[in-house]
Amino acid sequence: MPKWRRASTFGTGRQVPLDRNQRARFIWLVRADRRHGRLSASGEDVAIELVKLLGEDGRLDPSHATVAARAGCDAITALAGVQSRPATPMYYVLPATRILRG
């Protein structure tokens, strides 16, 4: 089965802005995961930089080199941190949602 549908349009995707409390909760949860050993030190740095780079409109699209430079790690480490599920801001902030297509 193809991963696309006929006559589908691709846009910017779902963008969810975070308020001050959600950002603080995200950083607190990331640091808690680091303390419990679920996240590496570089993963923590990458996750915190990602939430700092999140725009007011919910847009988040920095390059891996930008994230690596700001987190103080290698680009490959930043790529691994971005791809890991606990490092993404929406993992901590948004509850699991189910999209129904009909």
Protein backbone atom coordinates (compact mmCIF):
# COMPACT_ATOMS: atom_id res chain seq x y z
CA MET A 1 0.00 0.00 0.00
CA PRO A 2 1.45 3.40 -0.89
CA LYS A 3 2.27 5.83 1.88
CA TRP A 4 0.45 8.66 0.11
CA ARG A 5 -3.05 9.24 -1.14
CA ARG A 6 -4.13 10.52 -4.49
CA ALA A 7 -4.76 14.30 -4.56
CA SER A 8 -3.11 14.79 -1.17
CA THR A 9 -1.40 18.03 -0.31
CA PHE A 10 1.55 18.38 2.00
CA GLY A 11 1.77 21.45 4.17
CA THR A 12 3.85 22.59 7.08
CA GLY A 13 2.36 20.00 9.40
CA ARG A 14 0.98 20.36 12.89
CA GLN A 15 2.57 23.24 14.75
CA VAL A 16 1.77 23.59 18.43
CA PRO A 17 3.09 26.61 20.31
CA LEU A 18 4.18 26.02 23.89
CA ASP A 19 3.48 28.50 26.64
CA ARG A 20 5.90 29.29 29.46
CA ASN A 21 4.58 26.56 31.77
CA GLN A 22 4.76 23.87 29.09
CA ARG A 23 8.37 24.83 28.30
CA ALA A 24 9.28 24.69 31.99
CA ARG A 25 7.54 21.31 32.35
CA PHE A 26 9.42 19.99 29.33
CA ILE A 27 12.80 21.05 30.71
CA TRP A 28 11.94 19.63 34.14
CA LEU A 29 10.93 16.26 32.63
CA VAL A 30 14.06 16.12 30.46
CA ARG A 31 16.27 16.72 33.48
CA ALA A 32 14.33 14.09 35.44
CA ASP A 33 14.89 11.57 32.63
CA ARG A 34 18.60 12.45 32.69
CA ARG A 35 18.78 11.87 36.45
CA HIS A 36 17.11 8.46 36.08
CA GLY A 37 19.43 7.39 33.27
CA ARG A 38 16.85 7.35 30.46
CA LEU A 39 18.61 10.15 28.56
CA SER A 40 22.29 10.84 27.94
CA ALA A 41 23.96 14.15 28.78
CA SER A 42 24.15 15.09 25.11
CA GLY A 43 20.52 14.07 24.63
CA GLU A 44 19.56 16.39 27.47
CA ASP A 45 21.50 19.27 25.90
CA VAL A 46 19.92 18.63 22.50
CA ALA A 47 16.41 18.45 23.97
CA ILE A 48 16.82 21.70 25.88
CA GLU A 49 18.18 23.44 22.79
CA LEU A 50 15.24 22.15 20.76
CA VAL A 51 12.75 23.69 23.15
CA LYS A 52 14.72 26.94 23.11
CA LEU A 53 14.60 26.96 19.30
CA LEU A 54 10.85 26.35 19.22
CA GLY A 55 9.20 29.44 17.76
CA GLU A 56 6.26 31.33 19.20
CA ASP A 57 4.04 29.88 16.48
CA GLY A 58 5.14 26.30 17.19
CA ARG A 59 7.55 26.07 14.27
CA LEU A 60 10.67 23.98 14.84
CA ASP A 61 12.93 23.33 11.89
CA PRO A 62 16.61 23.95 12.70
CA SER A 63 19.37 22.08 10.90
CA HIS A 64 21.32 19.36 12.68
CA ALA A 65 24.43 21.54 12.50
CA THR A 66 22.63 24.38 14.29
CA VAL A 67 21.39 22.11 17.05
CA ALA A 68 24.85 20.55 17.41
CA ALA A 69 26.59 23.91 17.60
CA ARG A 70 24.18 25.22 20.22
CA ALA A 71 24.26 22.01 22.28
CA GLY A 72 28.05 21.73 22.08
CA CYS A 73 28.16 18.27 20.52
CA ASP A 74 28.80 16.60 17.17
CA ALA A 75 26.20 16.72 14.38
CA ILE A 76 25.78 12.92 14.51
CA THR A 77 25.04 13.11 18.23
CA ALA A 78 22.51 15.87 17.59
CA LEU A 79 20.89 13.73 14.88
CA ALA A 80 20.58 10.83 17.32
CA GLY A 81 19.17 13.16 19.96
CA VAL A 82 16.60 14.60 17.56
CA GLN A 83 15.51 11.15 16.40
CA SER A 84 15.13 9.73 19.89
CA ARG A 85 11.57 9.92 21.12
CA PRO A 86 12.22 11.34 24.62
CA ALA A 87 14.14 14.30 23.18
CA THR A 88 11.21 15.74 21.25
CA PRO A 89 9.21 18.48 22.97
CA MET A 90 5.84 17.07 21.95
CA TYR A 91 6.63 13.73 23.65
CA TYR A 92 6.53 15.40 27.06
CA VAL A 93 3.97 18.11 26.52
CA LEU A 94 1.16 16.70 24.41
CA PRO A 95 -0.91 13.68 25.34
CA ALA A 96 -1.13 10.87 22.83
CA THR A 97 -3.66 11.74 20.15
CA ARG A 98 -5.25 9.53 17.56
CA ILE A 99 -5.92 10.84 14.10
CA LEU A 100 -9.00 9.38 12.46
CA ARG A 101 -9.27 9.60 8.71
CA GLY A 102 -12.49 8.88 7.04
